[in-house]
Amino acid sequence: MSAITAADIAAARAQGDLAALLLMASGQPVTSAPKQHAKAVTPLVPRSRPGAWPDGSRSPGLTPDVAAHLHQLWPDRYPAPGGAQ
């Protein structure tokens, strides 16, 4: 193929393979990739999540004994319980 004409481009657009035409014109191999279709929109359905806080509030945090244990393990990550170092 030496030159691409306007008729070639119009025909390729009508068939939906303009990329294949350009690849062939540049001398690159054309691989047949499946055409991508738009996904069907599904309505959002609220689902319960085990362990989630359903009312939008936050977790109350660590208990004091867990906070003290984590501070002993990783003092640079977890502050001392009560704010004292």
N, C-alpha and C. Protein backbone atom coordinates (compact mmCIF):
# COMPACT_ATOMS: atom_id res chain seq x y z
N MET A 1 0.86 -1.16 0.00
CA MET A 1 0.00 0.00 0.00
C MET A 1 0.91 1.23 0.00
N SER A 2 0.73 2.06 -0.96
CA SER A 2 1.64 3.19 -1.09
C SER A 2 1.05 4.47 -0.51
N ALA A 3 -0.23 4.67 -0.66
CA ALA A 3 -0.83 5.89 -0.14
C ALA A 3 -2.25 5.61 0.32
N ILE A 4 -2.64 6.33 1.33
CA ILE A 4 -4.00 6.18 1.86
C ILE A 4 -4.83 7.32 1.30
N THR A 5 -5.93 6.97 0.71
CA THR A 5 -6.81 8.00 0.15
C THR A 5 -7.92 8.31 1.13
N ALA A 6 -8.64 9.37 0.88
CA ALA A 6 -9.76 9.75 1.72
C ALA A 6 -10.85 8.68 1.68
N ALA A 7 -11.00 8.02 0.54
CA ALA A 7 -11.99 6.95 0.44
C ALA A 7 -11.61 5.76 1.32
N ASP A 8 -10.30 5.47 1.40
CA ASP A 8 -9.84 4.38 2.27
C ASP A 8 -10.15 4.67 3.73
N ILE A 9 -9.91 5.91 4.14
CA ILE A 9 -10.16 6.29 5.54
C ILE A 9 -11.65 6.25 5.83
N ALA A 10 -12.47 6.72 4.91
CA ALA A 10 -13.91 6.68 5.11
C ALA A 10 -14.42 5.26 5.21
N ALA A 11 -13.91 4.37 4.36
CA ALA A 11 -14.33 2.97 4.41
C ALA A 11 -13.88 2.30 5.71
N ALA A 12 -12.66 2.63 6.18
CA ALA A 12 -12.16 2.05 7.42
C ALA A 12 -12.97 2.54 8.61
N ARG A 13 -13.37 3.80 8.62
CA ARG A 13 -14.20 4.32 9.71
C ARG A 13 -15.56 3.65 9.71
N ALA A 14 -16.12 3.42 8.52
CA ALA A 14 -17.42 2.78 8.45
C ALA A 14 -17.37 1.35 8.98
N GLN A 15 -16.24 0.67 8.74
CA GLN A 15 -16.09 -0.70 9.23
C GLN A 15 -15.58 -0.75 10.67
N GLY A 16 -15.10 0.36 11.18
CA GLY A 16 -14.61 0.41 12.55
C GLY A 16 -13.19 -0.09 12.73
N ASP A 17 -12.40 -0.16 11.66
CA ASP A 17 -11.02 -0.65 11.77
C ASP A 17 -10.01 0.36 11.23
N LEU A 18 -10.16 1.61 11.63
CA LEU A 18 -9.24 2.65 11.20
C LEU A 18 -7.82 2.38 11.74
N ALA A 19 -7.73 1.86 12.96
CA ALA A 19 -6.42 1.57 13.53
C ALA A 19 -5.70 0.51 12.71
N ALA A 20 -6.43 -0.51 12.23
CA ALA A 20 -5.80 -1.55 11.41
C ALA A 20 -5.29 -0.97 10.10
N LEU A 21 -6.05 -0.05 9.52
CA LEU A 21 -5.60 0.57 8.27
C LEU A 21 -4.32 1.35 8.47
N LEU A 22 -4.24 2.10 9.56
CA LEU A 22 -3.03 2.89 9.84
C LEU A 22 -1.84 2.00 10.15
N LEU A 23 -2.08 0.89 10.86
CA LEU A 23 -0.98 -0.04 11.14
C LEU A 23 -0.46 -0.68 9.86
N MET A 24 -1.37 -1.07 8.96
CA MET A 24 -0.93 -1.66 7.70
C MET A 24 -0.16 -0.66 6.85
N ALA A 25 -0.61 0.61 6.87
CA ALA A 25 0.07 1.62 6.07
C ALA A 25 1.46 1.91 6.60
N SER A 26 1.65 1.76 7.91
CA SER A 26 2.98 2.02 8.48
C SER A 26 3.89 0.81 8.43
N GLY A 27 3.35 -0.34 8.01
CA GLY A 27 4.18 -1.53 7.89
C GLY A 27 4.24 -2.37 9.14
N GLN A 28 3.47 -2.05 10.15
CA GLN A 28 3.46 -2.82 11.38
C GLN A 28 2.45 -3.96 11.28
N PRO A 29 2.70 -5.05 11.99
CA PRO A 29 1.75 -6.16 11.93
C PRO A 29 0.44 -5.79 12.62
N VAL A 30 -0.62 -6.29 12.06
CA VAL A 30 -1.96 -6.02 12.60
C VAL A 30 -2.38 -7.24 13.40
N THR A 31 -2.66 -7.04 14.66
CA THR A 31 -3.17 -8.13 15.49
C THR A 31 -4.65 -7.90 15.68
N SER A 32 -5.39 -8.96 15.65
CA SER A 32 -6.84 -8.82 15.81
C SER A 32 -7.17 -8.82 17.29
N ALA A 33 -7.49 -7.67 17.80
CA ALA A 33 -7.89 -7.53 19.19
C ALA A 33 -9.41 -7.45 19.25
N PRO A 34 -9.99 -8.05 20.25
CA PRO A 34 -11.44 -7.98 20.35
C PRO A 34 -11.90 -6.54 20.58
N LYS A 35 -13.01 -6.20 19.96
CA LYS A 35 -13.53 -4.85 20.13
C LYS A 35 -14.12 -4.72 21.53
N GLN A 36 -13.90 -3.57 22.11
CA GLN A 36 -14.38 -3.33 23.47
C GLN A 36 -15.80 -2.77 23.40
N HIS A 37 -16.65 -3.33 24.20
CA HIS A 37 -18.03 -2.87 24.27
C HIS A 37 -18.24 -2.17 25.60
N ALA A 38 -19.12 -1.21 25.59
CA ALA A 38 -19.43 -0.49 26.83
C ALA A 38 -20.15 -1.43 27.79
N LYS A 39 -19.81 -1.34 29.06
CA LYS A 39 -20.46 -2.17 30.06
C LYS A 39 -21.86 -1.64 30.32
N ALA A 40 -22.75 -2.56 30.61
CA ALA A 40 -24.10 -2.16 30.96
C ALA A 40 -24.08 -1.56 32.36
N VAL A 41 -24.79 -0.49 32.53
CA VAL A 41 -24.85 0.18 33.82
C VAL A 41 -25.81 -0.57 34.73
N THR A 42 -25.29 -0.99 35.87
CA THR A 42 -26.15 -1.68 36.83
C THR A 42 -26.46 -0.72 37.97
N PRO A 43 -27.66 -0.78 38.48
CA PRO A 43 -28.00 0.13 39.58
C PRO A 43 -27.23 -0.26 40.84
N LEU A 44 -26.89 0.74 41.63
CA LEU A 44 -26.18 0.48 42.87
C LEU A 44 -27.15 -0.03 43.92
N VAL A 45 -26.80 -1.15 44.50
CA VAL A 45 -27.64 -1.77 45.52
C VAL A 45 -26.87 -1.71 46.83
N PRO A 46 -27.45 -1.10 47.85
CA PRO A 46 -26.73 -1.07 49.13
C PRO A 46 -26.59 -2.48 49.69
N ARG A 47 -25.40 -2.81 50.09
CA ARG A 47 -25.14 -4.13 50.65
C ARG A 47 -24.60 -3.97 52.05
N SER A 48 -25.01 -4.87 52.91
CA SER A 48 -24.49 -4.81 54.26
C SER A 48 -23.08 -5.38 54.26
N ARG A 49 -22.21 -4.75 55.02
CA ARG A 49 -20.83 -5.21 55.13
C ARG A 49 -20.59 -5.65 56.56
N PRO A 50 -20.23 -6.90 56.77
CA PRO A 50 -19.98 -7.35 58.14
C PRO A 50 -18.85 -6.55 58.77
N GLY A 51 -19.08 -6.07 59.95
CA GLY A 51 -18.06 -5.33 60.67
C GLY A 51 -18.02 -3.85 60.35
N ALA A 52 -18.87 -3.38 59.47
CA ALA A 52 -18.86 -1.96 59.11
C ALA A 52 -19.69 -1.17 60.11
N TRP A 53 -19.41 0.12 60.17
CA TRP A 53 -20.18 1.00 61.03
C TRP A 53 -21.32 1.56 60.17
N PRO A 54 -22.54 1.03 60.32
CA PRO A 54 -23.61 1.38 59.40
C PRO A 54 -24.14 2.80 59.53
N ASP A 55 -23.96 3.44 60.66
CA ASP A 55 -24.54 4.77 60.84
C ASP A 55 -23.60 5.89 60.40
N GLY A 56 -22.47 5.56 59.82
CA GLY A 56 -21.55 6.57 59.33
C GLY A 56 -20.60 7.10 60.39
N SER A 57 -20.69 6.59 61.60
CA SER A 57 -19.80 7.07 62.65
C SER A 57 -18.44 6.38 62.52
N ARG A 58 -17.51 6.82 63.31
CA ARG A 58 -16.17 6.24 63.27
C ARG A 58 -16.00 5.20 64.36
N SER A 59 -14.97 4.42 64.21
CA SER A 59 -14.62 3.43 65.22
C SER A 59 -14.23 4.14 66.52
N PRO A 60 -14.55 3.59 67.66
CA PRO A 60 -14.19 4.25 68.92
C PRO A 60 -12.69 4.22 69.20
N GLY A 61 -11.95 3.43 68.47
CA GLY A 61 -10.50 3.40 68.66
C GLY A 61 -10.06 2.21 69.49
N LEU A 62 -8.80 2.25 69.90
CA LEU A 62 -8.23 1.14 70.65
C LEU A 62 -8.61 1.22 72.11
N THR A 63 -8.73 0.07 72.74
CA THR A 63 -8.92 0.05 74.18
C THR A 63 -7.59 0.40 74.84
N PRO A 64 -7.61 0.87 76.07
CA PRO A 64 -6.35 1.29 76.72
C PRO A 64 -5.30 0.18 76.81
N ASP A 65 -5.73 -1.06 77.09
CA ASP A 65 -4.73 -2.13 77.20
C ASP A 65 -4.12 -2.48 75.85
N VAL A 66 -4.91 -2.43 74.78
CA VAL A 66 -4.37 -2.68 73.45
C VAL A 66 -3.44 -1.55 73.04
N ALA A 67 -3.80 -0.31 73.35
CA ALA A 67 -2.96 0.83 73.01
C ALA A 67 -1.61 0.74 73.74
N ALA A 68 -1.63 0.31 75.01
CA ALA A 68 -0.38 0.18 75.76
C ALA A 68 0.50 -0.92 75.16
N HIS A 69 -0.12 -2.03 74.75
CA HIS A 69 0.65 -3.12 74.16
C HIS A 69 1.26 -2.71 72.82
N LEU A 70 0.49 -2.03 71.99
CA LEU A 70 1.02 -1.57 70.71
C LEU A 70 2.13 -0.54 70.89
N HIS A 71 2.02 0.30 71.92
CA HIS A 71 3.07 1.28 72.20
C HIS A 71 4.37 0.58 72.62
N GLN A 72 4.24 -0.54 73.35
CA GLN A 72 5.44 -1.30 73.72
C GLN A 72 6.09 -1.93 72.50
N LEU A 73 5.28 -2.42 71.58
CA LEU A 73 5.83 -3.06 70.39
C LEU A 73 6.44 -2.05 69.42
N TRP A 74 5.70 -0.97 69.12
CA TRP A 74 6.12 0.03 68.15
C TRP A 74 5.95 1.43 68.74
N PRO A 75 6.90 1.88 69.56
CA PRO A 75 6.73 3.19 70.19
C PRO A 75 6.76 4.34 69.19
N ASP A 76 7.37 4.14 68.01
CA ASP A 76 7.41 5.23 67.04
C ASP A 76 6.10 5.33 66.24
N ARG A 77 5.31 4.25 66.21
CA ARG A 77 4.05 4.27 65.45
C ARG A 77 2.85 4.64 66.32
N TYR A 78 2.81 4.14 67.54
CA TYR A 78 1.66 4.34 68.41
C TYR A 78 2.06 5.18 69.61
N PRO A 79 1.32 6.26 69.87
CA PRO A 79 1.65 7.08 71.04
C PRO A 79 1.28 6.34 72.32
N ALA A 80 1.88 6.77 73.41
CA ALA A 80 1.58 6.17 74.69
C ALA A 80 0.14 6.46 75.07
N PRO A 81 -0.52 5.51 75.72
CA PRO A 81 -1.90 5.77 76.13
C PRO A 81 -1.96 6.94 77.11
N GLY A 82 -2.90 7.80 76.91
CA GLY A 82 -3.02 8.97 77.76
C GLY A 82 -2.14 10.13 77.30
N GLY A 83 -1.36 9.95 76.26
CA GLY A 83 -0.53 11.02 75.72
C GLY A 83 0.83 11.15 76.38
N ALA A 84 1.14 10.37 77.42
CA ALA A 84 2.46 10.47 78.08
C ALA A 84 3.45 9.59 77.36
N GLN A 85 4.66 10.04 77.22
CA GLN A 85 5.70 9.25 76.57
C GLN A 85 6.45 8.53 77.61
